Amino acid sequence: MAQIILTFGLGKEKIKVVRSIAQKNRIQIKEISRKDYNQKLGALAGIQGFAKEKVIYNGPDFPLEMIVFSGIDSAQIDSFLADYKQTGAQTVPLKAIITPQNIFWTVEALFKELWKEHLSFFLNKFL
């Protein structure tokens, strides 16, 4: 399986940093456009057995940026995130790894799940 990072809604500075670190580590980057938010993660990551569907996302923009790792082990992810942090770039709030459980999810479904977790963490931390 190819090592790839899917990005969603990253600003120019953040995508520049992500690309630089990924290139150094020989990891592919794929910027996912809003129209593909109804696609399954497996298809977007180019995983065998998945194909893009003929659907276009017409929902709202996501309020937070997101990155999704595919085919990358935990040590490599830790290294990537440490390198990212060292650049001083603002964090990407939502991060995920493609798993056997979420590989069939659409981008929108993953975003909603991560958004709920993010809000829960925030509320528990500050209330």
Protein backbone atom coordinates (compact mmCIF):
# COMPACT_ATOMS: atom_id res chain seq x y z
CA MET A 1 0.00 0.00 0.00
CA ALA A 2 1.30 3.44 -0.93
CA GLN A 3 2.16 5.89 1.80
CA ILE A 4 -0.05 8.90 1.34
CA ILE A 5 -1.39 11.86 3.27
CA LEU A 6 -4.79 13.19 2.26
CA THR A 7 -5.32 16.88 3.04
CA PHE A 8 -8.62 18.70 3.38
CA GLY A 9 -8.91 22.48 3.39
CA LEU A 10 -5.34 23.28 4.42
CA GLY A 11 -4.20 26.85 3.93
CA LYS A 12 -1.24 27.64 1.67
CA GLU A 13 1.31 27.84 4.49
CA LYS A 14 0.25 24.56 6.07
CA ILE A 15 0.15 22.66 2.78
CA LYS A 16 3.63 23.97 2.00
CA VAL A 17 4.93 22.62 5.32
CA VAL A 18 3.13 19.28 4.90
CA ARG A 19 4.51 18.89 1.37
CA SER A 20 8.06 19.66 2.49
CA ILE A 21 8.03 17.12 5.32
CA ALA A 22 6.28 14.50 3.21
CA GLN A 23 8.76 14.91 0.37
CA LYS A 24 11.65 14.47 2.80
CA ASN A 25 10.05 11.21 3.97
CA ARG A 26 9.01 10.02 0.49
CA ILE A 27 5.31 10.23 1.32
CA GLN A 28 2.77 11.25 -1.32
CA ILE A 29 0.43 14.17 -0.69
CA LYS A 30 -3.02 14.39 -2.19
CA GLU A 31 -5.04 17.57 -1.75
CA ILE A 32 -8.69 16.58 -1.77
CA SER A 33 -11.10 19.09 -3.25
CA ARG A 34 -14.45 19.85 -1.67
CA LYS A 35 -16.37 18.13 -4.50
CA ASP A 36 -14.85 14.79 -3.40
CA TYR A 37 -16.05 14.90 0.22
CA ASN A 38 -18.68 12.21 -0.59
CA GLN A 39 -15.98 9.77 -1.76
CA LYS A 40 -14.84 6.84 0.38
CA LEU A 41 -11.45 7.20 2.05
CA GLY A 42 -10.23 3.99 0.43
CA ALA A 43 -10.88 5.37 -3.04
CA LEU A 44 -9.19 8.70 -2.33
CA ALA A 45 -6.12 6.92 -0.94
CA GLY A 46 -5.92 4.72 -4.04
CA ILE A 47 -6.39 1.50 -2.10
CA GLN A 48 -6.96 -1.59 -4.22
CA GLY A 49 -10.62 -2.59 -4.49
CA PHE A 50 -11.93 0.96 -4.18
CA ALA A 51 -13.05 3.23 -6.99
CA LYS A 52 -14.30 6.78 -7.02
CA GLU A 53 -18.06 7.06 -7.28
CA LYS A 54 -19.94 9.47 -9.51
CA VAL A 55 -21.16 11.67 -6.69
CA ILE A 56 -20.35 15.27 -5.93
CA TYR A 57 -20.44 16.79 -2.45
CA ASN A 58 -22.76 19.79 -2.29
CA GLY A 59 -22.70 20.36 1.46
CA PRO A 60 -21.07 23.15 3.41
CA ASP A 61 -17.34 23.70 3.72
CA PHE A 62 -15.77 22.02 6.72
CA PRO A 63 -15.04 24.53 9.50
CA LEU A 64 -11.74 22.83 10.42
CA GLU A 65 -8.79 21.51 8.43
CA MET A 66 -8.11 17.79 8.36
CA ILE A 67 -5.33 15.39 7.35
CA VAL A 68 -5.64 11.62 6.95
CA PHE A 69 -2.70 9.21 6.89
CA SER A 70 -2.78 6.01 4.81
CA GLY A 71 -0.20 3.22 4.71
CA ILE A 72 2.00 5.01 7.24
CA ASP A 73 2.98 3.32 10.50
CA SER A 74 2.67 4.98 13.90
CA ALA A 75 6.41 5.69 14.22
CA GLN A 76 6.40 7.50 10.87
CA ILE A 77 3.30 9.47 11.85
CA ASP A 78 4.91 10.46 15.15
CA SER A 79 8.03 11.57 13.27
CA PHE A 80 5.97 13.51 10.73
CA LEU A 81 3.99 15.30 13.45
CA ALA A 82 7.17 16.11 15.41
CA ASP A 83 8.76 17.57 12.27
CA TYR A 84 5.59 19.56 11.59
CA LYS A 85 5.55 20.95 15.12
CA GLN A 86 9.20 22.03 14.82
CA THR A 87 8.32 24.28 11.88
CA GLY A 88 6.17 26.46 14.10
CA ALA A 89 3.21 26.18 11.72
CA GLN A 90 -0.21 26.18 13.37
CA THR A 91 -1.55 22.73 14.07
CA VAL A 92 -4.03 20.94 11.83
CA PRO A 93 -6.90 20.32 14.28
CA LEU A 94 -8.32 17.10 12.84
CA LYS A 95 -6.09 14.11 12.12
CA ALA A 96 -6.91 10.48 11.39
CA ILE A 97 -5.43 7.24 10.11
CA ILE A 98 -7.25 5.06 7.60
CA THR A 99 -8.24 1.89 9.44
CA PRO A 100 -10.23 -1.25 8.57
CA GLN A 101 -13.17 0.43 10.33
CA ASN A 102 -13.15 3.79 8.51
CA ILE A 103 -11.78 2.80 5.09
CA PHE A 104 -15.39 2.56 3.80
CA TRP A 105 -16.41 5.94 5.28
CA THR A 106 -16.88 9.03 3.20
CA VAL A 107 -14.79 12.09 3.93
CA GLU A 108 -17.90 13.76 5.31
CA ALA A 109 -18.59 10.86 7.70
CA LEU A 110 -15.01 10.92 8.99
CA PHE A 111 -15.13 14.68 9.43
CA LYS A 112 -18.34 14.47 11.46
CA GLU A 113 -16.84 11.80 13.74
CA LEU A 114 -13.61 13.75 14.27
CA TRP A 115 -15.59 16.97 14.80
CA LYS A 116 -17.62 15.30 17.58
CA GLU A 117 -14.43 14.01 19.22
CA HIS A 118 -12.79 17.44 18.90
CA LEU A 119 -15.76 19.19 20.50
CA SER A 120 -15.99 16.61 23.27
CA PHE A 121 -12.29 17.02 24.06
CA PHE A 122 -12.60 20.80 24.04
CA LEU A 123 -15.67 20.80 26.29
CA ASN A 124 -14.13 18.34 28.75
CA LYS A 125 -10.90 20.31 28.87
CA PHE A 126 -12.43 23.71 29.54
CA LEU A 127 -15.66 23.01 31.41
